[in-house]
N, C-alpha and C. Protein backbone atom coordinates (compact mmCIF):
# COMPACT_ATOMS: atom_id res chain seq x y z
N MET A 1 308.55 -41.31 226.21
CA MET A 1 307.77 -40.28 226.86
C MET A 1 306.97 -40.91 228.00
N GLU A 2 306.95 -40.20 229.05
CA GLU A 2 306.22 -40.70 230.21
C GLU A 2 304.81 -40.15 230.22
N ASP A 3 303.88 -40.97 230.61
CA ASP A 3 302.51 -40.50 230.81
C ASP A 3 302.38 -40.00 232.24
N ARG A 4 302.20 -38.69 232.34
CA ARG A 4 302.04 -38.11 233.68
C ARG A 4 300.57 -37.89 233.95
N GLU A 5 300.21 -38.14 235.15
CA GLU A 5 298.83 -37.94 235.54
C GLU A 5 298.76 -36.66 236.37
N TYR A 6 297.94 -35.75 235.89
CA TYR A 6 297.78 -34.48 236.59
C TYR A 6 296.48 -34.50 237.37
N THR A 7 296.56 -34.02 238.57
CA THR A 7 295.36 -33.94 239.38
C THR A 7 295.14 -32.48 239.77
N ILE A 8 293.88 -32.16 239.94
CA ILE A 8 293.52 -30.81 240.35
C ILE A 8 292.99 -30.90 241.78
N ASP A 9 293.60 -30.14 242.63
CA ASP A 9 293.18 -30.11 244.02
C ASP A 9 292.24 -28.92 244.21
N LEU A 10 290.95 -29.21 244.38
CA LEU A 10 289.97 -28.14 244.52
C LEU A 10 290.17 -27.33 245.79
N MET A 11 290.62 -27.93 246.82
CA MET A 11 290.87 -27.19 248.07
C MET A 11 292.01 -26.19 247.88
N GLU A 12 292.99 -26.55 247.09
CA GLU A 12 294.09 -25.62 246.82
C GLU A 12 293.59 -24.43 246.00
N LEU A 13 292.76 -24.70 244.98
CA LEU A 13 292.18 -23.62 244.19
C LEU A 13 291.29 -22.72 245.04
N TYR A 14 290.50 -23.32 245.92
CA TYR A 14 289.66 -22.55 246.82
C TYR A 14 290.51 -21.65 247.72
N GLY A 15 291.61 -22.17 248.20
CA GLY A 15 292.52 -21.38 249.05
C GLY A 15 293.12 -20.21 248.29
N ILE A 16 293.46 -20.40 247.02
CA ILE A 16 294.01 -19.32 246.20
C ILE A 16 292.98 -18.22 246.01
N VAL A 17 291.73 -18.61 245.75
CA VAL A 17 290.66 -17.62 245.58
C VAL A 17 290.43 -16.86 246.88
N ILE A 18 290.39 -17.55 247.99
CA ILE A 18 290.17 -16.90 249.29
C ILE A 18 291.32 -15.97 249.62
N ASP A 19 292.54 -16.37 249.32
CA ASP A 19 293.70 -15.52 249.59
C ASP A 19 293.67 -14.23 248.78
N ASN A 20 293.10 -14.29 247.57
CA ASN A 20 293.09 -13.13 246.69
C ASN A 20 291.70 -12.50 246.55
N ILE A 21 290.84 -12.72 247.53
CA ILE A 21 289.47 -12.23 247.44
C ILE A 21 289.40 -10.71 247.39
N LYS A 22 290.32 -10.04 248.06
CA LYS A 22 290.32 -8.57 248.05
C LYS A 22 290.67 -8.04 246.66
N VAL A 23 291.62 -8.65 246.01
CA VAL A 23 292.02 -8.22 244.66
C VAL A 23 290.86 -8.47 243.68
N ILE A 24 290.23 -9.62 243.81
CA ILE A 24 289.09 -9.95 242.94
C ILE A 24 287.95 -8.97 243.16
N ALA A 25 287.67 -8.62 244.41
CA ALA A 25 286.59 -7.68 244.72
C ALA A 25 286.91 -6.29 244.19
N LYS A 26 288.17 -5.85 244.29
CA LYS A 26 288.56 -4.54 243.77
C LYS A 26 288.40 -4.46 242.26
N ILE A 27 288.81 -5.49 241.56
CA ILE A 27 288.68 -5.52 240.10
C ILE A 27 287.21 -5.51 239.69
N ALA A 28 286.40 -6.33 240.36
CA ALA A 28 284.97 -6.38 240.05
C ALA A 28 284.31 -5.04 240.33
N THR A 29 284.68 -4.38 241.41
CA THR A 29 284.12 -3.07 241.75
C THR A 29 284.52 -2.02 240.73
N CYS A 30 285.75 -2.05 240.27
CA CYS A 30 286.20 -1.09 239.25
C CYS A 30 285.38 -1.24 237.97
N PHE A 31 285.19 -2.46 237.52
CA PHE A 31 284.41 -2.67 236.31
C PHE A 31 282.94 -2.29 236.51
N LEU A 32 282.41 -2.51 237.69
CA LEU A 32 281.04 -2.11 237.98
C LEU A 32 280.90 -0.59 237.94
N ILE A 33 281.84 0.13 238.51
CA ILE A 33 281.82 1.60 238.49
C ILE A 33 281.96 2.11 237.06
N LEU A 34 282.86 1.51 236.28
CA LEU A 34 283.00 1.91 234.88
C LEU A 34 281.72 1.67 234.09
N ALA A 35 281.05 0.57 234.34
CA ALA A 35 279.79 0.28 233.64
C ALA A 35 278.71 1.28 234.01
N ILE A 36 278.62 1.64 235.27
CA ILE A 36 277.62 2.62 235.70
C ILE A 36 277.91 3.99 235.10
N LEU A 37 279.18 4.39 235.08
CA LEU A 37 279.55 5.67 234.46
C LEU A 37 279.21 5.68 232.97
N TYR A 38 279.46 4.58 232.30
CA TYR A 38 279.14 4.50 230.88
C TYR A 38 277.64 4.64 230.65
N LEU A 39 276.83 4.03 231.51
CA LEU A 39 275.38 4.13 231.36
C LEU A 39 274.89 5.57 231.51
N PHE A 40 275.53 6.34 232.38
CA PHE A 40 275.12 7.74 232.56
C PHE A 40 275.65 8.65 231.46
N ILE A 41 276.82 8.35 230.93
CA ILE A 41 277.44 9.22 229.93
C ILE A 41 276.91 8.94 228.52
N ALA A 42 276.80 7.70 228.15
CA ALA A 42 276.41 7.33 226.79
C ALA A 42 274.92 7.62 226.57
N SER A 43 274.63 8.23 225.44
CA SER A 43 273.23 8.48 225.10
C SER A 43 272.72 7.31 224.27
N PRO A 44 271.49 6.89 224.52
CA PRO A 44 270.96 5.76 223.77
C PRO A 44 270.69 6.13 222.31
N VAL A 45 270.95 5.20 221.43
CA VAL A 45 270.73 5.42 220.00
C VAL A 45 269.71 4.39 219.53
N TYR A 46 268.60 4.89 219.04
CA TYR A 46 267.56 4.02 218.50
C TYR A 46 267.46 4.28 217.01
N GLU A 47 267.45 3.24 216.23
CA GLU A 47 267.44 3.40 214.78
C GLU A 47 266.63 2.27 214.17
N SER A 48 265.85 2.63 213.17
CA SER A 48 265.10 1.60 212.47
C SER A 48 264.89 2.04 211.03
N THR A 49 264.66 1.06 210.19
CA THR A 49 264.37 1.35 208.80
C THR A 49 263.13 0.56 208.41
N ALA A 50 262.37 1.12 207.48
CA ALA A 50 261.15 0.44 207.02
C ALA A 50 261.05 0.61 205.51
N LEU A 51 260.52 -0.40 204.88
CA LEU A 51 260.30 -0.38 203.45
C LEU A 51 258.81 -0.58 203.22
N LEU A 52 258.22 0.34 202.49
CA LEU A 52 256.79 0.29 202.21
C LEU A 52 256.59 -0.03 200.74
N ARG A 53 255.95 -1.16 200.49
CA ARG A 53 255.71 -1.57 199.12
C ARG A 53 254.22 -1.87 198.97
N ILE A 54 253.59 -1.22 198.01
CA ILE A 54 252.19 -1.46 197.72
C ILE A 54 252.11 -2.15 196.37
N LYS A 55 251.52 -3.33 196.37
CA LYS A 55 251.41 -4.09 195.12
C LYS A 55 250.30 -3.50 194.27
N GLN A 56 250.60 -3.33 193.02
CA GLN A 56 249.59 -2.89 192.07
C GLN A 56 249.29 -4.04 191.13
N GLN A 57 248.06 -4.08 190.66
CA GLN A 57 247.68 -5.17 189.77
C GLN A 57 248.44 -5.03 188.46
N GLN A 58 248.80 -6.15 187.91
CA GLN A 58 249.55 -6.19 186.66
C GLN A 58 248.59 -6.37 185.49
N GLY A 59 249.00 -5.94 184.34
CA GLY A 59 248.21 -6.17 183.13
C GLY A 59 247.73 -4.86 182.53
N LEU A 60 247.61 -4.86 181.25
CA LEU A 60 247.21 -3.65 180.53
C LEU A 60 245.76 -3.29 180.80
N GLY A 61 244.88 -4.30 180.82
CA GLY A 61 243.46 -4.04 181.02
C GLY A 61 243.19 -3.43 182.38
N SER A 62 243.81 -3.94 183.42
CA SER A 62 243.55 -3.42 184.76
C SER A 62 244.16 -2.04 184.94
N SER A 63 245.31 -1.77 184.32
CA SER A 63 245.91 -0.45 184.48
C SER A 63 245.10 0.60 183.74
N LEU A 64 244.55 0.27 182.55
CA LEU A 64 243.70 1.22 181.83
C LEU A 64 242.42 1.49 182.60
N LEU A 65 241.87 0.44 183.21
CA LEU A 65 240.65 0.59 183.99
C LEU A 65 240.90 1.46 185.22
N ASN A 66 242.05 1.25 185.87
CA ASN A 66 242.38 2.06 187.04
C ASN A 66 242.54 3.53 186.68
N GLU A 67 243.19 3.82 185.58
CA GLU A 67 243.37 5.20 185.17
C GLU A 67 242.05 5.84 184.80
N ALA A 68 241.16 5.07 184.18
CA ALA A 68 239.87 5.62 183.78
C ALA A 68 238.99 5.91 184.98
N THR A 69 239.09 5.09 186.01
CA THR A 69 238.23 5.28 187.18
C THR A 69 238.88 6.15 188.24
N GLY A 70 240.13 6.47 188.08
CA GLY A 70 240.79 7.36 189.05
C GLY A 70 241.28 6.66 190.29
N SER A 71 241.50 5.35 190.23
CA SER A 71 241.96 4.65 191.43
C SER A 71 243.47 4.83 191.64
N VAL A 72 244.15 5.49 190.72
CA VAL A 72 245.58 5.79 190.93
C VAL A 72 245.72 6.71 192.13
N GLY A 73 244.83 7.70 192.20
CA GLY A 73 244.85 8.60 193.37
C GLY A 73 244.55 7.85 194.66
N MET A 74 243.68 6.83 194.56
CA MET A 74 243.36 6.03 195.74
C MET A 74 244.59 5.24 196.19
N ASN A 75 245.38 4.73 195.23
CA ASN A 75 246.60 4.01 195.59
C ASN A 75 247.59 4.95 196.29
N GLN A 76 247.68 6.18 195.83
CA GLN A 76 248.57 7.14 196.48
C GLN A 76 248.08 7.47 197.88
N ARG A 77 246.78 7.57 198.06
CA ARG A 77 246.23 7.83 199.39
C ARG A 77 246.50 6.63 200.30
N GLN A 78 246.37 5.41 199.76
CA GLN A 78 246.68 4.23 200.55
C GLN A 78 248.14 4.23 200.97
N MET A 79 249.03 4.60 200.04
CA MET A 79 250.45 4.65 200.36
C MET A 79 250.72 5.63 201.49
N SER A 80 250.13 6.81 201.43
CA SER A 80 250.38 7.80 202.48
C SER A 80 249.75 7.34 203.80
N THR A 81 248.62 6.65 203.73
CA THR A 81 248.00 6.13 204.95
C THR A 81 248.90 5.07 205.59
N TYR A 82 249.41 4.15 204.78
CA TYR A 82 250.31 3.13 205.32
C TYR A 82 251.58 3.76 205.89
N ALA A 83 252.08 4.77 205.23
CA ALA A 83 253.29 5.45 205.73
C ALA A 83 253.00 6.12 207.07
N GLU A 84 251.82 6.72 207.24
CA GLU A 84 251.47 7.34 208.52
C GLU A 84 251.33 6.28 209.61
N ILE A 85 250.77 5.13 209.26
CA ILE A 85 250.66 4.04 210.24
C ILE A 85 252.04 3.60 210.69
N LEU A 86 252.98 3.49 209.74
CA LEU A 86 254.33 3.09 210.11
C LEU A 86 255.01 4.13 210.99
N ARG A 87 254.79 5.42 210.69
CA ARG A 87 255.37 6.48 211.52
C ARG A 87 254.81 6.44 212.92
N ALA A 88 253.50 6.23 213.05
CA ALA A 88 252.88 6.17 214.36
C ALA A 88 253.36 4.96 215.14
N ALA A 89 253.58 3.84 214.45
CA ALA A 89 254.05 2.64 215.13
C ALA A 89 255.50 2.80 215.59
N ALA A 90 256.26 3.62 214.88
CA ALA A 90 257.67 3.81 215.26
C ALA A 90 257.79 4.64 216.54
N TRP A 91 256.84 5.50 216.82
CA TRP A 91 256.90 6.31 218.03
C TRP A 91 256.43 5.49 219.17
C-alpha cells in the first residue's frame, strides 16, 4: 500500500465558494424566509408545573397539641397562601 499525501488547496476551496455564492445565498434566504414564517404562524406554548409541600411536625404529642389548639386550620391557610404566591409568581 502506498502512503499518499493529500493536500488541501484553500484558494481552490475559496474559488468554489465564490463560484457558487448565488446558490448559497438562495438557500440561506429560503431558510430565513421559512424561519420567519414559522415565527408568525406558530403560537408560543408556555408550560410549568409546581409541587407544593408543607412539612408538618411529626410525633403524637405535637399532632394532639395542634388539633387541640386549632393549628390544623392555620396549616391549611398557609397552604392556600403558598399556593396563591405560586400562582402570582407564575403570571
